[in-house]
Protein backbone atom coordinates (compact mmCIF):
# COMPACT_ATOMS: atom_id res chain seq x y z
CA UNK A 1 -21.62 -9.52 -7.13
CA UNK A 2 -21.64 -7.42 -4.32
CA UNK A 3 -23.41 -8.97 -1.32
CA UNK A 4 -25.52 -7.66 1.87
CA UNK A 5 -25.55 -9.62 5.18
CA UNK A 6 -29.55 -9.72 5.67
CA UNK A 7 -30.41 -7.80 8.97
CA UNK A 8 -26.34 -8.62 9.97
CA UNK A 9 -26.87 -12.20 10.88
CA UNK A 10 -24.21 -14.43 10.15
CA UNK A 11 -24.94 -17.44 7.28
CA UNK A 12 -27.02 -15.11 5.16
CA UNK A 13 -26.43 -12.87 2.35
CA UNK A 14 -28.80 -11.11 0.38
CA UNK A 15 -28.02 -10.73 -3.60
CA UNK A 16 -30.20 -8.53 -5.85
CA UNK A 17 -33.38 -10.66 -5.98
CA UNK A 18 -33.35 -13.11 -3.24
CA UNK A 19 -32.08 -13.97 0.43
CA UNK A 20 -30.27 -17.18 0.54
CA UNK A 21 -28.42 -18.95 3.21
CA UNK A 22 -24.85 -20.02 3.03
CA UNK A 23 -22.87 -22.24 5.13
CA UNK A 24 -21.94 -20.80 8.58
CA UNK A 25 -18.03 -21.16 9.21
CA UNK A 26 -17.27 -22.28 12.71
CA UNK A 27 -14.51 -20.45 14.72
CA UNK A 28 -12.01 -23.61 14.33
CA UNK A 29 -12.66 -23.65 10.22
CA UNK A 30 -12.26 -20.16 9.94
CA UNK A 31 -8.80 -20.18 11.78
CA UNK A 32 -8.03 -23.08 9.66
CA UNK A 33 -8.65 -21.08 6.47
CA UNK A 34 -6.90 -18.25 7.59
CA UNK A 35 -3.89 -20.28 8.79
CA UNK A 36 -1.79 -19.72 5.63
CA UNK A 37 -1.36 -16.25 6.63
CA UNK A 38 -0.15 -17.46 9.76
CA UNK A 39 2.39 -20.12 8.58
CA UNK A 40 3.59 -16.85 6.72
CA UNK A 41 4.23 -14.96 9.22
CA UNK A 42 5.32 -17.34 11.92
CA UNK A 43 7.92 -19.14 9.39
CA UNK A 44 9.48 -15.55 8.13
CA UNK A 45 9.67 -13.60 11.17
CA UNK A 46 10.40 -16.47 13.60
CA UNK A 47 13.22 -17.58 11.55
CA UNK A 48 14.40 -14.16 10.81
CA UNK A 49 14.64 -13.45 14.55
CA UNK A 50 15.96 -16.45 15.65
CA UNK A 51 18.80 -16.04 12.95
CA UNK A 52 18.98 -12.25 13.94
CA UNK A 53 18.73 -11.32 10.08
CA UNK A 54 15.89 -10.49 8.19
CA UNK A 55 17.65 -11.74 4.97
CA UNK A 56 18.52 -15.64 6.37
CA UNK A 57 14.61 -16.44 5.22
CA UNK A 58 13.96 -15.62 1.66
CA UNK A 59 10.74 -14.20 1.48
CA UNK A 60 9.85 -16.16 -1.63
CA UNK A 61 10.40 -19.53 0.03
CA UNK A 62 8.45 -18.24 3.30
CA UNK A 63 5.61 -17.53 0.84
CA UNK A 64 6.01 -20.80 -1.25
CA UNK A 65 5.38 -22.65 1.92
CA UNK A 66 2.57 -20.88 2.93
CA UNK A 67 1.22 -21.40 -0.50
CA UNK A 68 1.52 -25.27 -0.24
CA UNK A 69 -0.12 -25.10 3.20
CA UNK A 70 -3.06 -23.29 1.62
CA UNK A 71 -3.14 -25.96 -0.91
CA UNK A 72 -3.67 -28.39 1.99
CA UNK A 73 -6.29 -26.72 3.88
CA UNK A 74 -8.40 -25.28 1.11
CA UNK A 75 -10.72 -26.31 -1.27
CA UNK A 76 -11.76 -27.37 -3.76
CA UNK A 77 -10.91 -31.07 -3.28
CA UNK A 78 -9.39 -31.87 -6.50
CA UNK A 79 -5.73 -30.57 -6.92
CA UNK A 80 -6.24 -29.35 -10.41
CA UNK A 81 -9.43 -27.16 -9.22
CA UNK A 82 -6.82 -25.79 -6.54
CA UNK A 83 -4.26 -24.89 -8.89
CA UNK A 84 -7.31 -23.25 -11.24
CA UNK A 85 -8.41 -21.32 -8.26
CA UNK A 86 -4.98 -19.95 -7.45
CA UNK A 87 -4.27 -19.24 -10.94
CA UNK A 88 -6.97 -17.18 -11.34
CA UNK A 89 -5.84 -15.05 -8.25
CA UNK A 90 -2.47 -14.80 -9.90
CA UNK A 91 -3.81 -13.77 -13.07
CA UNK A 92 -6.26 -11.05 -11.94
CA UNK A 93 -6.24 -7.85 -13.98
CA UNK A 94 -5.20 -5.95 -10.77
CA UNK A 95 -2.10 -8.28 -10.13
CA UNK A 96 -0.91 -7.99 -13.90
CA UNK A 97 -1.21 -4.39 -13.75
CA UNK A 98 1.01 -4.32 -10.62
CA UNK A 99 3.58 -6.68 -12.24
CA UNK A 100 3.62 -4.38 -15.19
CA UNK A 101 4.40 -1.66 -13.07
CA UNK A 102 7.15 -3.30 -11.49
CA UNK A 103 8.87 -4.26 -14.74
CA UNK A 104 8.74 -0.74 -16.11
CA UNK A 105 9.79 0.82 -12.61
CA UNK A 106 12.63 -1.37 -12.69
CA UNK A 107 13.70 -0.51 -16.28
CA UNK A 108 13.48 3.32 -15.66
CA UNK A 109 15.14 3.32 -11.83
CA UNK A 110 18.17 1.48 -13.57
CA UNK A 111 18.24 3.61 -16.83
CA UNK A 112 18.41 6.81 -15.02
CA UNK A 113 20.83 5.61 -12.57
CA UNK A 114 23.25 4.69 -15.30
CA UNK A 115 22.93 8.53 -16.76
CA UNK A 116 23.50 9.74 -13.75
CA UNK A 117 19.88 11.35 -13.18
CA UNK A 118 19.55 10.22 -9.50
CA UNK A 119 22.79 11.72 -8.54
CA UNK A 120 21.83 14.99 -10.46
CA UNK A 121 18.36 15.16 -9.15
CA UNK A 122 19.64 14.86 -5.45
CA UNK A 123 22.18 17.31 -6.14
CA UNK A 124 19.76 19.60 -6.89
CA UNK A 125 17.39 18.84 -3.91
CA UNK A 126 20.29 19.14 -1.55
CA UNK A 127 21.22 22.67 -3.11
CA UNK A 128 17.48 23.94 -2.21
CA UNK A 129 16.90 22.11 1.14
CA UNK A 130 18.88 22.00 4.13
CA UNK A 131 20.39 18.68 5.09
CA UNK A 132 18.61 18.88 8.45
CA UNK A 133 15.07 19.23 6.75
CA UNK A 134 15.70 16.31 4.22
CA UNK A 135 13.54 13.85 6.15
CA UNK A 136 10.59 16.52 6.63
CA UNK A 137 11.02 17.44 3.02
CA UNK A 138 10.94 14.17 1.51
CA UNK A 139 7.86 13.18 3.58
CA UNK A 140 5.86 16.80 2.53
CA UNK A 141 6.87 16.00 -1.26
CA UNK A 142 5.65 12.36 -0.94
CA UNK A 143 2.46 13.82 0.27
CA UNK A 144 2.06 16.55 -1.93
CA UNK A 145 2.54 14.38 -4.71
CA UNK A 146 0.15 11.31 -3.42
CA UNK A 147 -2.40 13.92 -2.97
CA UNK A 148 -1.83 15.23 -6.37
CA UNK A 149 -1.86 11.85 -8.11
CA UNK A 150 -3.99 9.48 -5.97
CA UNK A 151 -1.94 6.60 -6.21
CA UNK A 152 0.69 5.59 -3.57
CA UNK A 153 2.65 3.33 -5.74
CA UNK A 154 3.22 6.02 -8.63
CA UNK A 155 4.36 8.11 -5.83
CA UNK A 156 7.03 5.62 -4.17
CA UNK A 157 8.07 4.70 -8.16
CA UNK A 158 8.75 8.57 -8.53
CA UNK A 159 10.19 9.69 -5.26
CA UNK A 160 12.02 6.39 -3.94
CA UNK A 161 15.33 6.45 -5.87
CA UNK A 162 15.73 10.05 -5.33
CA UNK A 163 15.04 9.55 -1.63
CA UNK A 164 17.66 6.77 -1.64
CA UNK A 165 20.24 9.26 -3.04
CA UNK A 166 19.43 11.65 -0.35
CA UNK A 167 19.79 9.34 2.74
CA UNK A 168 23.21 8.60 1.27
CA UNK A 169 24.27 11.92 0.59
CA UNK A 170 22.95 13.39 3.84
CA UNK A 171 23.92 10.09 6.17
CA UNK A 172 20.15 9.57 7.10
CA UNK A 173 19.22 5.95 7.68
CA UNK A 174 17.98 4.48 4.66
CA UNK A 175 15.22 2.66 5.98
CA UNK A 176 13.82 5.81 7.78
CA UNK A 177 14.02 7.57 4.53
CA UNK A 178 12.16 5.03 3.00
CA UNK A 179 9.52 5.15 5.58
CA UNK A 180 8.91 9.15 4.78
CA UNK A 181 8.21 8.25 1.08
CA UNK A 182 6.06 5.24 1.95
CA UNK A 183 4.24 6.91 4.81
CA UNK A 184 3.78 10.06 2.78
CA UNK A 185 2.68 8.32 -0.41
CA UNK A 186 -0.73 6.95 1.87
CA UNK A 187 -1.22 10.47 2.89
CA UNK A 188 -2.62 11.30 -0.84
CA UNK A 189 -4.17 7.61 -1.14
CA UNK A 190 -6.40 7.84 1.80
CA UNK A 191 -7.01 11.58 1.18
CA UNK A 192 -6.93 12.62 -2.47
CA UNK A 193 -10.47 13.10 -4.72
CA UNK A 194 -9.06 10.83 -7.28
CA UNK A 195 -7.68 7.92 -5.56
CA UNK A 196 -9.16 4.68 -5.77
CA UNK A 197 -9.88 4.09 -2.34
CA UNK A 198 -11.77 7.21 -2.23
CA UNK A 199 -14.07 6.53 -4.93
CA UNK A 200 -14.68 3.31 -3.73
CA UNK A 201 -15.66 4.29 -0.46
CA UNK A 202 -17.67 7.03 -1.09
CA UNK A 203 -19.73 5.16 -3.73
CA UNK A 204 -20.03 1.92 -1.39
CA UNK A 205 -21.27 4.13 1.31
CA UNK A 206 -23.47 6.58 -0.97
CA UNK A 207 -21.54 9.94 0.05
CA UNK A 208 -20.09 12.78 -1.63
CA UNK A 209 -16.22 13.18 -2.09
CA UNK A 210 -16.15 16.77 -0.31
CA UNK A 211 -18.36 15.12 2.51
CA UNK A 212 -16.00 12.22 3.06
CA UNK A 213 -12.60 14.49 2.48
CA UNK A 214 -14.18 16.63 5.51
CA UNK A 215 -14.68 13.73 8.01
CA UNK A 216 -11.17 12.24 6.62
CA UNK A 217 -9.63 15.68 7.12
CA UNK A 218 -10.21 15.48 10.72
CA UNK A 219 -8.24 12.12 11.19
CA UNK A 220 -5.21 12.37 8.81
CA UNK A 221 -4.02 16.44 9.37
CA UNK A 222 -3.33 16.01 12.88
CA UNK A 223 -1.61 12.53 12.37
CA UNK A 224 0.33 14.54 9.18
CA UNK A 225 1.24 17.07 11.52
CA UNK A 226 2.88 15.28 14.13
CA UNK A 227 4.63 12.95 11.61
CA UNK A 228 6.12 15.91 9.89
CA UNK A 229 7.41 17.33 13.35
CA UNK A 230 8.72 13.93 14.01
CA UNK A 231 10.96 14.08 10.83
CA UNK A 232 12.00 17.51 11.44
CA UNK A 233 13.27 16.80 14.97
CA UNK A 234 15.15 13.51 14.15
CA UNK A 235 16.50 15.28 10.78
CA UNK A 236 17.63 18.14 12.81
CA UNK A 237 21.12 16.66 13.71
CA UNK A 238 22.27 15.63 10.18
CA UNK A 239 25.20 17.45 9.03
CA UNK A 240 25.05 19.69 6.51
CA UNK A 241 26.38 18.23 2.86
CA UNK A 242 29.55 20.56 1.66
CA UNK A 243 31.04 18.75 -1.16
CA UNK A 244 28.02 19.21 -3.80
CA UNK A 245 28.83 18.70 -7.38
CA UNK A 246 27.25 20.92 -10.01
CA UNK A 247 23.95 20.23 -10.96
CA UNK A 248 23.57 18.91 -14.83
CA UNK A 249 20.48 20.12 -15.69
CA UNK A 250 20.25 17.56 -18.61
CA UNK A 251 20.47 14.76 -16.60
CA UNK A 252 17.57 15.87 -14.01
CA UNK A 253 15.28 15.82 -16.84
CA UNK A 254 13.97 12.55 -16.88
CA UNK A 255 13.06 12.94 -13.26
CA UNK A 256 11.51 16.32 -13.88
CA UNK A 257 9.41 14.78 -16.66
CA UNK A 258 8.46 11.93 -14.72
CA UNK A 259 7.47 14.03 -11.53
CA UNK A 260 5.40 16.47 -13.41
CA UNK A 261 3.46 13.92 -15.88
CA UNK A 262 2.48 12.01 -12.35
CA UNK A 263 1.35 15.47 -11.08
CA UNK A 264 -0.61 15.95 -14.30
CA UNK A 265 -2.40 12.79 -13.33
CA UNK A 266 -1.08 10.78 -16.21
CA UNK A 267 -1.46 6.78 -15.70
CA UNK A 268 1.74 5.55 -13.83
CA UNK A 269 2.27 3.16 -16.78
CA UNK A 270 2.46 6.03 -19.09
CA UNK A 271 4.64 8.28 -16.84
CA UNK A 272 7.42 5.35 -16.41
CA UNK A 273 7.20 4.47 -20.48
CA UNK A 274 7.97 8.55 -20.73
CA UNK A 275 10.60 8.40 -18.43
CA UNK A 276 12.45 5.50 -19.91
CA UNK A 277 12.28 7.10 -23.46
CA UNK A 278 13.79 10.47 -21.61
CA UNK A 279 16.64 8.66 -20.12
CA UNK A 280 17.22 7.33 -23.93
CA UNK A 281 17.15 10.82 -25.56
CA UNK A 282 19.44 11.75 -22.77
CA UNK A 283 21.91 8.92 -24.01
CA UNK A 284 21.57 10.13 -27.70
CA UNK A 285 22.12 13.84 -26.61
CA UNK A 286 25.61 12.63 -24.19
CA UNK A 287 28.34 11.05 -26.36
CA UNK A 288 29.51 9.53 -22.71
CA UNK A 289 26.91 7.18 -22.93
CA UNK A 290 26.12 4.19 -25.39
CA UNK A 291 22.60 2.96 -25.90
CA UNK A 292 23.82 -0.64 -25.50
CA UNK A 293 25.11 0.24 -22.07
CA UNK A 294 21.70 2.07 -21.25
CA UNK A 295 19.53 -0.91 -22.74
CA UNK A 296 21.81 -3.53 -20.54
CA UNK A 297 20.88 -1.34 -17.68
CA UNK A 298 17.12 -1.28 -18.41
CA UNK A 299 17.33 -5.10 -18.84
CA UNK A 300 18.70 -5.64 -15.44
CA UNK A 301 16.57 -3.18 -13.98
CA UNK A 302 13.59 -5.35 -15.45
CA UNK A 303 15.07 -8.81 -14.20
CA UNK A 304 16.07 -7.23 -10.81
CA UNK A 305 11.98 -6.94 -9.81
CA UNK A 306 11.96 -10.91 -10.83
CA UNK A 307 11.77 -11.54 -7.10
CA UNK A 308 9.28 -9.11 -6.47
CA UNK A 309 7.03 -10.52 -9.10
CA UNK A 310 7.24 -14.01 -7.55
CA UNK A 311 6.07 -12.72 -4.32
CA UNK A 312 3.37 -10.83 -5.73
CA UNK A 313 1.97 -13.33 -7.73
CA UNK A 314 2.01 -16.22 -4.77
CA UNK A 315 0.63 -13.59 -2.36
CA UNK A 316 -2.34 -13.14 -4.91
CA UNK A 317 -2.98 -16.86 -5.75
CA UNK A 318 -2.49 -17.85 -1.74
CA UNK A 319 -5.12 -14.87 -0.86
CA UNK A 320 -7.36 -15.86 -3.65
CA UNK A 321 -7.69 -19.57 -2.07
CA UNK A 322 -8.44 -18.15 1.05
CA UNK A 323 -10.87 -15.65 0.10
CA UNK A 324 -12.89 -18.40 -1.92
CA UNK A 325 -12.68 -20.52 0.84
CA UNK A 326 -14.57 -18.08 3.05
CA UNK A 327 -11.89 -16.38 5.13
CA UNK A 328 -13.16 -13.08 4.52
CA UNK A 329 -16.86 -14.36 4.97
CA UNK A 330 -15.41 -15.45 8.66
CA UNK A 331 -14.07 -12.35 9.66
CA UNK A 332 -17.16 -10.61 8.34
CA UNK A 333 -19.21 -12.81 10.25
CA UNK A 334 -17.81 -12.66 13.36
CA UNK A 335 -17.18 -8.87 13.55
CA UNK A 336 -20.83 -7.87 12.74
CA UNK A 337 -22.16 -10.49 15.34
CA UNK A 338 -20.46 -9.05 18.15
CA UNK A 339 -21.51 -4.92 17.73
CA UNK A 340 -22.59 -3.35 20.60
CA UNK A 341 -23.48 0.28 20.46
CA UNK A 342 -22.33 3.00 17.53
CA UNK A 343 -18.59 3.14 18.96
CA UNK A 344 -18.73 -0.46 18.57
CA UNK A 345 -20.35 -0.22 15.16
CA UNK A 346 -17.70 1.89 14.08
CA UNK A 347 -14.91 0.00 15.36
CA UNK A 348 -16.27 -3.13 13.37
CA UNK A 349 -16.31 -0.90 10.55
CA UNK A 350 -12.71 -0.25 10.61
CA UNK A 351 -11.73 -3.73 11.70
CA UNK A 352 -13.67 -5.30 8.69
CA UNK A 353 -11.62 -2.73 6.16
CA UNK A 354 -8.47 -4.02 8.28
CA UNK A 355 -8.60 -7.54 7.86
CA UNK A 356 -10.20 -7.54 4.27
CA UNK A 357 -7.19 -6.11 3.44
CA UNK A 358 -4.84 -8.40 5.10
CA UNK A 359 -6.79 -11.24 3.15
CA UNK A 360 -6.41 -9.20 -0.04
CA UNK A 361 -3.28 -7.25 0.05
CA UNK A 362 -5.32 -4.63 -1.66
CA UNK A 363 -6.76 -1.62 -0.06
CA UNK A 364 -9.46 -0.83 -2.73
CA UNK A 365 -10.38 -4.46 -3.61
CA UNK A 366 -10.80 -4.80 0.76
CA UNK A 367 -13.27 -1.80 0.73
CA UNK A 368 -15.30 -3.20 -1.91
CA UNK A 369 -15.52 -6.58 -0.47
CA UNK A 370 -16.91 -5.02 2.50
CA UNK A 371 -18.56 -2.10 1.83
CA UNK A 372 -22.03 -2.56 1.43
CA UNK A 373 -21.97 -4.53 4.83
CA UNK A 374 -20.02 -1.69 6.04
CA UNK A 375 -22.99 0.78 4.88
CA UNK A 376 -25.77 -2.04 6.24
CA UNK A 377 -24.20 -1.59 9.75
CA UNK A 378 -23.53 2.21 9.29
CA UNK A 379 -27.53 2.80 8.45
CA UNK A 380 -28.48 0.36 11.46
CA UNK A 381 -26.34 2.45 13.83
CA UNK A 382 -26.95 5.80 12.96
CA UNK A 383 -23.14 6.19 11.52
CA UNK A 384 -23.28 9.19 9.01
CA UNK A 385 -22.17 7.83 5.27
CA UNK A 386 -19.05 10.28 5.40
CA UNK A 387 -17.80 8.96 8.44
CA UNK A 388 -18.31 5.43 7.57
CA UNK A 389 -16.52 5.91 4.28
CA UNK A 390 -13.71 7.60 6.31
CA UNK A 391 -13.18 4.78 8.58
CA UNK A 392 -13.17 2.49 5.91
CA UNK A 393 -10.51 4.44 3.60
CA UNK A 394 -8.33 5.18 6.92
CA UNK A 395 -8.36 1.61 7.92
CA UNK A 396 -7.41 -0.06 4.87
CA UNK A 397 -4.59 2.59 4.31
CA UNK A 398 -3.28 2.02 7.83
CA UNK A 399 -2.84 -2.02 7.40
CA UNK A 400 -1.64 -1.63 3.40
CA UNK A 401 0.74 0.82 4.80
CA UNK A 402 2.71 -1.61 6.92
CA UNK A 403 1.72 -5.15 5.05
CA UNK A 404 4.73 -6.87 3.94
CA UNK A 405 3.40 -8.43 0.97
CA UNK A 406 1.53 -5.28 -0.25
CA UNK A 407 2.58 -3.32 -3.28
CA UNK A 408 3.60 -0.34 -1.97
CA UNK A 409 6.24 -2.11 0.88
CA UNK A 410 7.54 -4.30 -1.89
CA UNK A 411 8.14 -1.47 -4.49
CA UNK A 412 9.63 0.54 -1.63
CA UNK A 413 11.93 -2.07 -0.51
CA UNK A 414 13.03 -3.53 -3.84
CA UNK A 415 13.96 0.29 -4.90
CA UNK A 416 15.75 1.27 -1.67
CA UNK A 417 17.41 -2.37 -1.61
CA UNK A 418 16.20 -3.09 1.50
CA UNK A 419 13.78 -6.04 3.20
CA UNK A 420 10.26 -4.92 3.89
CA UNK A 421 10.72 -5.61 7.47
CA UNK A 422 13.65 -3.37 7.61
CA UNK A 423 11.10 -0.59 6.94
CA UNK A 424 8.33 -1.36 8.83
CA UNK A 425 9.56 0.10 12.24
CA UNK A 426 9.83 3.45 10.48
CA UNK A 427 6.47 3.91 9.12
CA UNK A 428 5.48 6.46 11.48
CA UNK A 429 2.68 7.77 9.47
CA UNK A 430 0.27 4.57 9.52
CA UNK A 431 0.94 4.04 13.04
CA UNK A 432 -0.09 7.37 13.87
CA UNK A 433 -2.82 7.46 11.56
CA UNK A 434 -4.12 4.32 13.40
CA UNK A 435 -4.05 6.09 16.44
CA UNK A 436 -5.60 9.30 15.32
CA UNK A 437 -8.52 7.03 13.57
CA UNK A 438 -9.13 5.47 17.05
CA UNK A 439 -9.13 8.71 18.80
CA UNK A 440 -11.78 9.87 16.01
CA UNK A 441 -13.92 6.69 17.10
CA UNK A 442 -13.47 6.88 21.04
CA UNK A 443 -14.03 10.74 20.95
CA UNK A 444 -17.30 11.15 19.05
CA UNK A 445 -20.35 12.99 20.31
CA UNK A 446 -22.55 10.47 21.89
CA UNK A 447 -25.93 11.92 20.79
CA UNK A 448 -26.88 9.87 17.97
CA UNK A 449 -29.39 6.78 19.00
CA UNK A 450 -28.38 3.48 19.23
CA UNK A 451 -29.58 0.65 16.99
CA UNK A 452 -33.06 -0.85 17.79
């Protein structure tokens, strides 16, 4: 059930029928509840920095240690009940859908690689696009695809394998290329009319999508243009690719089908299933391939997603324990208690969405979790609904775009064969979008009256 904080006072919530008191979470207790997150980051980052290698500490081990700590510090008291609560979080329908997407994406990526679809698509792209514009071109393609289909995960699944091939052929930094795809994917996730985050933010704030789009446009377009120029500059020194093979159009069909159906708005699961089937059709039409080898490649792709699935389940279970024990409530209580003026209110809305995203690893869920509270704050401080919806959406996408245990970075790093922490320094778009959002708050007109 969605809840409102009664008159923004910590310790109270309003349900549909009544106001009821909830236990106030002290500062020490709140940090104690959130400590599993600190354990993960400190264990993984500290070990990796000391070792000088982000592959020395397996991310699964770091998450297992953080989950074990969550079982120590979080209630309920009986161990069996903690297991039950952890399992509920890991088995949530959103998490299971992510697992299905990971499995199908692995099968498609490997089966397409087996028949040569990736190389054929890369050759076609390089024949149409100069090498020194590859980075900017990939970022722009990710922006267009994500804006059309409204999902960052679907964009990453469709575009990352091609981007990896382009990096190999053009000599571009692979982590930089992966950052182009993931950054562009969040452009549409944040702005598209059919994005889950757009729907959630406009519904919780009670505004029309076109009004939110106009407010959001002012934040993201300057950021996107600046990032496009940065990628154009970074790619200018890339050497031209001279020895390209002739494009085999039959092998390009699976990727064209995936991109085309994604742009038409087809569900990402259906898109991936069609992609896998299309690679099988190519195998039947080309005598150089065998069905058994194709099936083996698809199977290897599915099993190759094992670590990604384990991390997803561990993170979801740990975050559910944190949420159940009031970690998210603690964040909201302290942010709403410190509001001073409209700029402070707008900053608190953005911070609520960002920190809720850290605790949920899902930008849509984060917006829904704090949406009603943000609406209360916005109404009290005279913030227009489209503006609060835009801040919610943008802040959640900024954090989701750089979160190492978020679905997008996990998927992107798995398809690129990198660590999520290898890609994070090159996620220029989320960083610049964050700066643009803060400027949007600071440079607002100061004509609206403050709260009484």
